[in-house]
Amino acid sequence: MISLEVIGQKLRKISKKKLQFKPFLPTAKKSKIKIELILEISRKLGSWEEQKGFLNNKVTLHSLSETLHTNSTYLSKVINLHKNKNFSSYLKDIRITYAINHLKDNPDIVKTKSMIQIAEMYGFNSLSVFTKSFKNKTGVTPGVFFKQILEDEWRKSSQSKF
């Protein structure tokens, strides 16, 4: 059992050390982007997300920077800073997140579309990239997830009959 005296000594040692905080602003200064510009790009990016611009399978960092009226370097830095990932990872992540939620709300899509059609619906040009991104995000393949959606849908429909 640790005595109160030992705890007190440790607290005094800690309080004598200077605590160093890393505020948000120095990161922005290092990247030489004004805070106002970071906020503006973040706001525009949020609006683009709300409009589901990420579903466009032709979107690139360059095309998105043109859409948001900024340059690709600034956009890339804002995504790295605020999303903690590079543009490609950010795009895959937001597409998969949207796909999961959309498919849960619309299980008929799984019944009527092929896997590649579903991948293309959510902005992926390649089934392999869709599958890999999906598994990285969820831990299961799209096929396993789709099967679960169909089982849940069947369970709901069979419960409503009774």
N, C-alpha and C. Protein backbone atom coordinates (compact mmCIF):
# COMPACT_ATOMS: atom_id res chain seq x y z
N MET A 1 0.84 -1.17 0.00
CA MET A 1 0.00 0.00 0.00
C MET A 1 0.89 1.24 0.00
N ILE A 2 0.60 2.20 -0.84
CA ILE A 2 1.39 3.42 -0.96
C ILE A 2 0.86 4.42 0.05
N SER A 3 1.79 5.02 0.79
CA SER A 3 1.36 5.99 1.80
C SER A 3 1.03 7.32 1.14
N LEU A 4 0.26 8.11 1.86
CA LEU A 4 -0.10 9.44 1.37
C LEU A 4 1.14 10.32 1.22
N GLU A 5 2.14 10.07 2.04
CA GLU A 5 3.36 10.86 1.96
C GLU A 5 4.08 10.62 0.63
N VAL A 6 4.16 9.37 0.18
CA VAL A 6 4.80 9.02 -1.09
C VAL A 6 4.04 9.65 -2.25
N ILE A 7 2.71 9.58 -2.20
CA ILE A 7 1.88 10.20 -3.24
C ILE A 7 2.12 11.70 -3.27
N GLY A 8 2.19 12.32 -2.08
CA GLY A 8 2.44 13.77 -2.00
C GLY A 8 3.76 14.15 -2.62
N GLN A 9 4.80 13.34 -2.37
CA GLN A 9 6.12 13.62 -2.94
C GLN A 9 6.07 13.54 -4.46
N LYS A 10 5.38 12.54 -4.98
CA LYS A 10 5.28 12.39 -6.43
C LYS A 10 4.53 13.57 -7.05
N LEU A 11 3.48 14.00 -6.38
CA LEU A 11 2.71 15.14 -6.89
C LEU A 11 3.55 16.41 -6.88
N ARG A 12 4.36 16.60 -5.84
CA ARG A 12 5.22 17.80 -5.78
C ARG A 12 6.24 17.78 -6.92
N LYS A 13 6.81 16.60 -7.20
CA LYS A 13 7.78 16.50 -8.29
C LYS A 13 7.12 16.83 -9.63
N ILE A 14 5.92 16.31 -9.82
CA ILE A 14 5.20 16.56 -11.06
C ILE A 14 4.87 18.03 -11.20
N SER A 15 4.41 18.65 -10.12
CA SER A 15 3.99 20.05 -10.19
C SER A 15 5.17 20.98 -10.41
N LYS A 16 6.41 20.54 -10.03
CA LYS A 16 7.59 21.37 -10.26
C LYS A 16 8.01 21.36 -11.72
N LYS A 17 7.68 20.29 -12.42
CA LYS A 17 8.02 20.20 -13.84
C LYS A 17 7.11 21.12 -14.63
N LYS A 18 7.67 21.71 -15.63
CA LYS A 18 6.86 22.56 -16.50
C LYS A 18 6.06 21.68 -17.43
N LEU A 19 4.76 21.89 -17.44
CA LEU A 19 3.91 21.14 -18.35
C LEU A 19 3.93 21.83 -19.70
N GLN A 20 4.15 21.06 -20.72
CA GLN A 20 4.18 21.62 -22.06
C GLN A 20 2.95 21.16 -22.82
N PHE A 21 2.20 22.11 -23.30
CA PHE A 21 1.02 21.81 -24.09
C PHE A 21 1.34 22.11 -25.54
N LYS A 22 0.78 21.32 -26.41
CA LYS A 22 0.96 21.55 -27.84
C LYS A 22 -0.36 22.06 -28.39
N PRO A 23 -0.52 23.36 -28.43
CA PRO A 23 -1.79 23.89 -28.92
C PRO A 23 -1.95 23.67 -30.41
N PHE A 24 -3.17 23.85 -30.87
CA PHE A 24 -3.53 23.64 -32.26
C PHE A 24 -2.83 24.62 -33.19
N LEU A 25 -2.68 25.85 -32.79
CA LEU A 25 -2.18 26.91 -33.68
C LEU A 25 -0.76 26.70 -34.19
N PRO A 26 0.20 26.24 -33.37
CA PRO A 26 1.54 26.06 -33.92
C PRO A 26 1.59 25.10 -35.10
N THR A 27 0.73 24.09 -35.11
CA THR A 27 0.69 23.17 -36.25
C THR A 27 0.34 23.94 -37.51
N ALA A 28 -0.64 24.81 -37.39
CA ALA A 28 -1.03 25.62 -38.53
C ALA A 28 0.10 26.56 -38.94
N LYS A 29 0.81 27.13 -37.95
CA LYS A 29 1.92 28.03 -38.28
C LYS A 29 3.02 27.28 -39.02
N LYS A 30 3.32 26.05 -38.56
CA LYS A 30 4.35 25.26 -39.22
C LYS A 30 3.99 25.00 -40.67
N SER A 31 2.71 24.80 -40.93
CA SER A 31 2.31 24.51 -42.29
C SER A 31 2.13 25.78 -43.11
N LYS A 32 2.27 26.92 -42.46
CA LYS A 32 2.20 28.22 -43.11
C LYS A 32 0.84 28.49 -43.77
N ILE A 33 -0.20 27.93 -43.20
CA ILE A 33 -1.55 28.21 -43.66
C ILE A 33 -2.23 29.01 -42.57
N LYS A 34 -2.82 30.11 -42.94
CA LYS A 34 -3.53 30.93 -41.96
C LYS A 34 -4.73 30.17 -41.41
N ILE A 35 -4.98 30.39 -40.13
CA ILE A 35 -6.08 29.73 -39.45
C ILE A 35 -7.40 29.97 -40.18
N GLU A 36 -7.61 31.19 -40.63
CA GLU A 36 -8.85 31.51 -41.33
C GLU A 36 -9.03 30.65 -42.57
N LEU A 37 -7.93 30.42 -43.27
CA LEU A 37 -7.97 29.59 -44.48
C LEU A 37 -8.24 28.13 -44.14
N ILE A 38 -7.63 27.65 -43.07
CA ILE A 38 -7.88 26.28 -42.62
C ILE A 38 -9.37 26.11 -42.30
N LEU A 39 -9.93 27.06 -41.58
CA LEU A 39 -11.34 26.99 -41.21
C LEU A 39 -12.24 27.05 -42.45
N GLU A 40 -11.88 27.90 -43.39
CA GLU A 40 -12.68 28.02 -44.62
C GLU A 40 -12.64 26.72 -45.43
N ILE A 41 -11.46 26.15 -45.58
CA ILE A 41 -11.34 24.89 -46.33
C ILE A 41 -12.10 23.78 -45.60
N SER A 42 -11.99 23.74 -44.27
CA SER A 42 -12.72 22.73 -43.48
C SER A 42 -14.22 22.87 -43.65
N ARG A 43 -14.69 24.10 -43.66
CA ARG A 43 -16.13 24.36 -43.84
C ARG A 43 -16.58 23.90 -45.22
N LYS A 44 -15.81 24.24 -46.23
CA LYS A 44 -16.14 23.83 -47.60
C LYS A 44 -16.10 22.31 -47.75
N LEU A 45 -15.12 21.68 -47.11
CA LEU A 45 -15.01 20.23 -47.15
C LEU A 45 -16.23 19.58 -46.49
N GLY A 46 -16.65 20.15 -45.36
CA GLY A 46 -17.85 19.65 -44.69
C GLY A 46 -19.09 19.77 -45.55
N SER A 47 -19.21 20.87 -46.25
CA SER A 47 -20.34 21.08 -47.16
C SER A 47 -20.29 20.08 -48.31
N TRP A 48 -19.11 19.85 -48.83
CA TRP A 48 -18.93 18.87 -49.92
C TRP A 48 -19.33 17.48 -49.44
N GLU A 49 -18.96 17.14 -48.20
CA GLU A 49 -19.36 15.85 -47.63
C GLU A 49 -20.87 15.75 -47.51
N GLU A 50 -21.53 16.81 -47.02
CA GLU A 50 -22.98 16.82 -46.88
C GLU A 50 -23.68 16.64 -48.22
N GLN A 51 -23.08 17.16 -49.27
CA GLN A 51 -23.65 17.02 -50.62
C GLN A 51 -23.28 15.69 -51.26
N LYS A 52 -22.57 14.86 -50.52
CA LYS A 52 -22.16 13.52 -50.97
C LYS A 52 -21.28 13.54 -52.22
N GLY A 53 -20.44 14.56 -52.30
CA GLY A 53 -19.51 14.66 -53.42
C GLY A 53 -18.54 13.51 -53.50
N PHE A 54 -18.33 12.82 -52.41
CA PHE A 54 -17.40 11.69 -52.36
C PHE A 54 -17.89 10.49 -53.14
N LEU A 55 -19.17 10.49 -53.53
CA LEU A 55 -19.71 9.37 -54.32
C LEU A 55 -19.28 9.44 -55.78
N ASN A 56 -18.76 10.57 -56.20
CA ASN A 56 -18.25 10.72 -57.56
C ASN A 56 -16.97 9.90 -57.69
N ASN A 57 -16.98 8.91 -58.56
CA ASN A 57 -15.82 8.03 -58.68
C ASN A 57 -14.64 8.68 -59.41
N LYS A 58 -14.83 9.87 -59.92
CA LYS A 58 -13.76 10.55 -60.64
C LYS A 58 -13.07 11.62 -59.77
N VAL A 59 -13.50 11.79 -58.52
CA VAL A 59 -12.92 12.82 -57.68
C VAL A 59 -11.47 12.50 -57.35
N THR A 60 -10.65 13.52 -57.47
CA THR A 60 -9.23 13.44 -57.12
C THR A 60 -8.92 14.61 -56.20
N LEU A 61 -7.76 14.59 -55.61
CA LEU A 61 -7.36 15.71 -54.77
C LEU A 61 -7.37 17.00 -55.58
N HIS A 62 -6.87 16.93 -56.79
CA HIS A 62 -6.82 18.11 -57.64
C HIS A 62 -8.23 18.61 -58.01
N SER A 63 -9.09 17.70 -58.43
CA SER A 63 -10.45 18.12 -58.83
C SER A 63 -11.23 18.67 -57.64
N LEU A 64 -11.03 18.05 -56.46
CA LEU A 64 -11.72 18.55 -55.27
C LEU A 64 -11.20 19.92 -54.86
N SER A 65 -9.90 20.12 -54.99
CA SER A 65 -9.35 21.44 -54.64
C SER A 65 -9.91 22.51 -55.57
N GLU A 66 -10.11 22.18 -56.84
CA GLU A 66 -10.73 23.13 -57.77
C GLU A 66 -12.18 23.40 -57.38
N THR A 67 -12.91 22.34 -57.01
CA THR A 67 -14.30 22.48 -56.59
C THR A 67 -14.42 23.38 -55.36
N LEU A 68 -13.46 23.24 -54.43
CA LEU A 68 -13.49 24.01 -53.19
C LEU A 68 -12.78 25.36 -53.32
N HIS A 69 -12.28 25.67 -54.51
CA HIS A 69 -11.60 26.94 -54.78
C HIS A 69 -10.40 27.15 -53.86
N THR A 70 -9.56 26.12 -53.80
CA THR A 70 -8.32 26.21 -53.05
C THR A 70 -7.26 25.44 -53.84
N ASN A 71 -6.08 25.33 -53.28
CA ASN A 71 -5.08 24.52 -54.00
C ASN A 71 -4.92 23.16 -53.33
N SER A 72 -4.39 22.23 -54.06
CA SER A 72 -4.32 20.84 -53.58
C SER A 72 -3.38 20.69 -52.38
N THR A 73 -2.36 21.50 -52.29
CA THR A 73 -1.44 21.43 -51.15
C THR A 73 -2.16 21.80 -49.86
N TYR A 74 -2.89 22.90 -49.89
CA TYR A 74 -3.64 23.33 -48.70
C TYR A 74 -4.71 22.30 -48.34
N LEU A 75 -5.43 21.83 -49.34
CA LEU A 75 -6.49 20.85 -49.08
C LEU A 75 -5.89 19.58 -48.46
N SER A 76 -4.80 19.12 -49.00
CA SER A 76 -4.14 17.92 -48.48
C SER A 76 -3.73 18.14 -47.03
N LYS A 77 -3.17 19.29 -46.72
CA LYS A 77 -2.73 19.57 -45.35
C LYS A 77 -3.91 19.64 -44.39
N VAL A 78 -5.01 20.23 -44.83
CA VAL A 78 -6.20 20.31 -43.98
C VAL A 78 -6.76 18.91 -43.72
N ILE A 79 -6.81 18.07 -44.74
CA ILE A 79 -7.29 16.70 -44.55
C ILE A 79 -6.36 15.94 -43.62
N ASN A 80 -5.06 16.07 -43.81
CA ASN A 80 -4.09 15.41 -42.94
C ASN A 80 -4.26 15.87 -41.49
N LEU A 81 -4.47 17.17 -41.32
CA LEU A 81 -4.56 17.77 -39.99
C LEU A 81 -5.87 17.41 -39.29
N HIS A 82 -6.99 17.54 -39.99
CA HIS A 82 -8.30 17.38 -39.36
C HIS A 82 -8.87 15.97 -39.45
N LYS A 83 -8.48 15.23 -40.43
CA LYS A 83 -9.01 13.87 -40.59
C LYS A 83 -7.98 12.81 -40.19
N ASN A 84 -6.77 13.25 -39.92
CA ASN A 84 -5.67 12.36 -39.52
C ASN A 84 -5.42 11.24 -40.51
N LYS A 85 -5.56 11.55 -41.80
CA LYS A 85 -5.27 10.57 -42.85
C LYS A 85 -5.00 11.29 -44.15
N ASN A 86 -4.39 10.59 -45.08
CA ASN A 86 -4.14 11.21 -46.38
C ASN A 86 -5.43 11.23 -47.20
N PHE A 87 -5.40 11.90 -48.33
CA PHE A 87 -6.62 12.09 -49.12
C PHE A 87 -7.22 10.75 -49.54
N SER A 88 -6.41 9.85 -50.03
CA SER A 88 -6.91 8.56 -50.51
C SER A 88 -7.60 7.78 -49.38
N SER A 89 -6.96 7.72 -48.23
CA SER A 89 -7.55 7.01 -47.08
C SER A 89 -8.82 7.69 -46.61
N TYR A 90 -8.80 9.02 -46.59
CA TYR A 90 -9.99 9.79 -46.21
C TYR A 90 -11.16 9.47 -47.13
N LEU A 91 -10.91 9.47 -48.42
CA LEU A 91 -11.95 9.22 -49.41
C LEU A 91 -12.52 7.81 -49.26
N LYS A 92 -11.66 6.83 -49.12
CA LYS A 92 -12.12 5.44 -48.94
C LYS A 92 -12.93 5.31 -47.66
N ASP A 93 -12.45 5.93 -46.59
CA ASP A 93 -13.11 5.83 -45.30
C ASP A 93 -14.51 6.45 -45.34
N ILE A 94 -14.64 7.62 -45.90
CA ILE A 94 -15.95 8.28 -45.94
C ILE A 94 -16.91 7.53 -46.85
N ARG A 95 -16.40 6.96 -47.93
CA ARG A 95 -17.25 6.17 -48.83
C ARG A 95 -17.76 4.90 -48.14
N ILE A 96 -16.88 4.19 -47.45
CA ILE A 96 -17.27 2.96 -46.78
C ILE A 96 -18.25 3.26 -45.64
N THR A 97 -17.99 4.29 -44.88
CA THR A 97 -18.90 4.67 -43.80
C THR A 97 -20.29 4.97 -44.35
N TYR A 98 -20.33 5.72 -45.42
CA TYR A 98 -21.62 6.04 -46.04
C TYR A 98 -22.29 4.77 -46.57
N ALA A 99 -21.52 3.91 -47.22
CA ALA A 99 -22.07 2.67 -47.78
C ALA A 99 -22.69 1.80 -46.69
N ILE A 100 -22.00 1.65 -45.58
CA ILE A 100 -22.52 0.83 -44.48
C ILE A 100 -23.86 1.36 -44.00
N ASN A 101 -23.92 2.64 -43.73
CA ASN A 101 -25.16 3.24 -43.22
C ASN A 101 -26.27 3.20 -44.27
N HIS A 102 -25.93 3.48 -45.50
CA HIS A 102 -26.92 3.49 -46.58
C HIS A 102 -27.48 2.09 -46.82
N LEU A 103 -26.62 1.10 -46.81
CA LEU A 103 -27.07 -0.28 -47.04
C LEU A 103 -27.93 -0.79 -45.88
N LYS A 104 -27.59 -0.40 -44.67
CA LYS A 104 -28.42 -0.78 -43.52
C LYS A 104 -29.83 -0.19 -43.65
N ASP A 105 -29.90 1.04 -44.13
CA ASP A 105 -31.20 1.71 -44.30
C ASP A 105 -31.94 1.25 -45.55
N ASN A 106 -31.22 0.70 -46.51
CA ASN A 106 -31.80 0.28 -47.79
C ASN A 106 -31.36 -1.14 -48.14
N PRO A 107 -31.80 -2.13 -47.38
CA PRO A 107 -31.33 -3.50 -47.61
C PRO A 107 -31.72 -4.08 -48.96
N ASP A 108 -32.71 -3.51 -49.63
CA ASP A 108 -33.10 -4.01 -50.95
C ASP A 108 -31.97 -3.86 -51.97
N ILE A 109 -31.07 -2.92 -51.75
CA ILE A 109 -29.94 -2.74 -52.66
C ILE A 109 -29.13 -4.03 -52.74
N VAL A 110 -28.93 -4.67 -51.61
CA VAL A 110 -28.15 -5.91 -51.56
C VAL A 110 -28.84 -7.01 -52.35
N LYS A 111 -30.17 -6.99 -52.36
CA LYS A 111 -30.94 -8.02 -53.07
C LYS A 111 -30.93 -7.81 -54.59
N THR A 112 -30.82 -6.56 -55.02
CA THR A 112 -31.02 -6.26 -56.44
C THR A 112 -29.76 -5.89 -57.21
N LYS A 113 -28.65 -5.68 -56.54
CA LYS A 113 -27.43 -5.24 -57.23
C LYS A 113 -26.30 -6.23 -57.00
N SER A 114 -25.41 -6.28 -57.98
CA SER A 114 -24.21 -7.11 -57.83
C SER A 114 -23.20 -6.37 -56.97
N MET A 115 -22.20 -7.08 -56.53
CA MET A 115 -21.16 -6.48 -55.68
C MET A 115 -20.46 -5.33 -56.39
N ILE A 116 -20.14 -5.48 -57.68
CA ILE A 116 -19.47 -4.40 -58.41
C ILE A 116 -20.39 -3.21 -58.58
N GLN A 117 -21.68 -3.45 -58.80
CA GLN A 117 -22.63 -2.34 -58.90
C GLN A 117 -22.70 -1.56 -57.59
N ILE A 118 -22.68 -2.29 -56.50
CA ILE A 118 -22.71 -1.63 -55.18
C ILE A 118 -21.43 -0.83 -54.97
N ALA A 119 -20.30 -1.41 -55.31
CA ALA A 119 -19.02 -0.70 -55.18
C ALA A 119 -19.05 0.59 -56.00
N GLU A 120 -19.54 0.52 -57.21
CA GLU A 120 -19.61 1.70 -58.08
C GLU A 120 -20.59 2.74 -57.55
N MET A 121 -21.68 2.29 -56.92
CA MET A 121 -22.65 3.22 -56.33
C MET A 121 -21.98 4.13 -55.31
N TYR A 122 -20.99 3.61 -54.62
CA TYR A 122 -20.34 4.35 -53.55
C TYR A 122 -18.99 4.95 -53.95
N GLY A 123 -18.78 5.06 -55.26
CA GLY A 123 -17.62 5.79 -55.77
C GLY A 123 -16.38 4.98 -56.04
N PHE A 124 -16.45 3.68 -55.92
CA PHE A 124 -15.28 2.84 -56.16
C PHE A 124 -15.26 2.36 -57.61
N ASN A 125 -14.11 2.43 -58.24
CA ASN A 125 -13.94 1.97 -59.62
C ASN A 125 -13.51 0.52 -59.68
N SER A 126 -13.12 -0.02 -58.55
CA SER A 126 -12.55 -1.36 -58.51
C SER A 126 -13.18 -2.16 -57.37
N LEU A 127 -13.59 -3.37 -57.68
CA LEU A 127 -14.16 -4.25 -56.66
C LEU A 127 -13.11 -4.62 -55.62
N SER A 128 -11.87 -4.82 -56.06
CA SER A 128 -10.82 -5.21 -55.11
C SER A 128 -10.52 -4.08 -54.12
N VAL A 129 -10.52 -2.84 -54.58
CA VAL A 129 -10.29 -1.70 -53.67
C VAL A 129 -11.47 -1.56 -52.70
N PHE A 130 -12.69 -1.73 -53.21
CA PHE A 130 -13.88 -1.69 -52.36
C PHE A 130 -13.80 -2.77 -51.29
N THR A 131 -13.50 -3.99 -51.69
CA THR A 131 -13.44 -5.11 -50.74
C THR A 131 -12.37 -4.89 -49.69
N LYS A 132 -11.19 -4.48 -50.13
CA LYS A 132 -10.09 -4.25 -49.19
C LYS A 132 -10.41 -3.11 -48.24
N SER A 133 -10.95 -2.01 -48.76
CA SER A 133 -11.32 -0.87 -47.92
C SER A 133 -12.40 -1.24 -46.93
N PHE A 134 -13.37 -2.01 -47.39
CA PHE A 134 -14.48 -2.44 -46.54
C PHE A 134 -13.96 -3.32 -45.40
N LYS A 135 -13.11 -4.27 -45.74
CA LYS A 135 -12.58 -5.18 -44.73
C LYS A 135 -11.68 -4.43 -43.74
N ASN A 136 -10.89 -3.48 -44.22
CA ASN A 136 -10.04 -2.69 -43.33
C ASN A 136 -10.88 -1.89 -42.33
N LYS A 137 -12.01 -1.38 -42.78
CA LYS A 137 -12.86 -0.55 -41.93
C LYS A 137 -13.70 -1.38 -40.96
N THR A 138 -14.23 -2.51 -41.43
CA THR A 138 -15.21 -3.26 -40.64
C THR A 138 -14.67 -4.56 -40.04
N GLY A 139 -13.61 -5.08 -40.63
CA GLY A 139 -13.09 -6.37 -40.18
C GLY A 139 -13.72 -7.56 -40.88
N VAL A 140 -14.73 -7.29 -41.71
CA VAL A 140 -15.38 -8.37 -42.48
C VAL A 140 -15.45 -7.96 -43.95
N THR A 141 -15.61 -8.94 -44.80
CA THR A 141 -15.73 -8.64 -46.23
C THR A 141 -17.13 -8.10 -46.52
N PRO A 142 -17.31 -7.42 -47.65
CA PRO A 142 -18.65 -6.96 -48.01
C PRO A 142 -19.64 -8.11 -48.10
N GLY A 143 -19.21 -9.26 -48.60
CA GLY A 143 -20.10 -10.42 -48.73
C GLY A 143 -20.67 -10.85 -47.39
N VAL A 144 -19.83 -10.90 -46.37
CA VAL A 144 -20.29 -11.26 -45.02
C VAL A 144 -21.26 -10.21 -44.50
N PHE A 145 -20.95 -8.95 -44.72
CA PHE A 145 -21.82 -7.85 -44.28
C PHE A 145 -23.17 -7.92 -45.00
N PHE A 146 -23.14 -8.15 -46.31
CA PHE A 146 -24.39 -8.23 -47.08
C PHE A 146 -25.25 -9.39 -46.59
N LYS A 147 -24.60 -10.52 -46.30
CA LYS A 147 -25.33 -11.68 -45.80
C LYS A 147 -26.02 -11.33 -44.49
N GLN A 148 -25.34 -10.60 -43.62
CA GLN A 148 -25.91 -10.19 -42.34
C GLN A 148 -27.11 -9.27 -42.55
N ILE A 149 -27.00 -8.36 -43.50
CA ILE A 149 -28.12 -7.46 -43.81
C ILE A 149 -29.33 -8.27 -44.27
N LEU A 150 -29.10 -9.23 -45.14
CA LEU A 150 -30.21 -10.06 -45.64
C LEU A 150 -30.83 -10.90 -44.52
N GLU A 151 -29.99 -11.43 -43.63
CA GLU A 151 -30.52 -12.20 -42.50
C GLU A 151 -31.34 -11.31 -41.57
N ASP A 152 -30.85 -10.10 -41.30
CA ASP A 152 -31.60 -9.16 -40.45
C ASP A 152 -32.92 -8.80 -41.10
N GLU A 153 -32.91 -8.59 -42.40
CA GLU A 153 -34.13 -8.24 -43.14
C GLU A 153 -35.13 -9.41 -43.09
N TRP A 154 -34.62 -10.62 -43.25
CA TRP A 154 -35.48 -11.80 -43.20
C TRP A 154 -36.09 -11.94 -41.80
N ARG A 155 -35.26 -11.72 -40.77
CA ARG A 155 -35.73 -11.81 -39.39
C ARG A 155 -36.83 -10.79 -39.11
N LYS A 156 -36.63 -9.57 -39.59
CA LYS A 156 -37.65 -8.52 -39.39
C LYS A 156 -38.95 -8.87 -40.09
N SER A 157 -38.84 -9.37 -41.32
CA SER A 157 -40.05 -9.68 -42.07
C SER A 157 -40.78 -10.89 -41.48
N SER A 158 -40.06 -11.86 -40.96
CA SER A 158 -40.71 -13.02 -40.38
C SER A 158 -41.35 -12.69 -39.03
N GLN A 159 -40.77 -11.74 -38.29
CA GLN A 159 -41.35 -11.31 -37.02
C GLN A 159 -42.62 -10.50 -37.23
N SER A 160 -42.66 -9.73 -38.31
CA SER A 160 -43.83 -8.89 -38.54
C SER A 160 -45.04 -9.71 -39.02
N LYS A 161 -44.80 -10.94 -39.46
CA LYS A 161 -45.89 -11.79 -39.92
C LYS A 161 -46.66 -12.39 -38.74
N PHE A 162 -46.01 -12.44 -37.59
CA PHE A 162 -46.66 -13.07 -36.43
C PHE A 162 -47.23 -12.07 -35.51
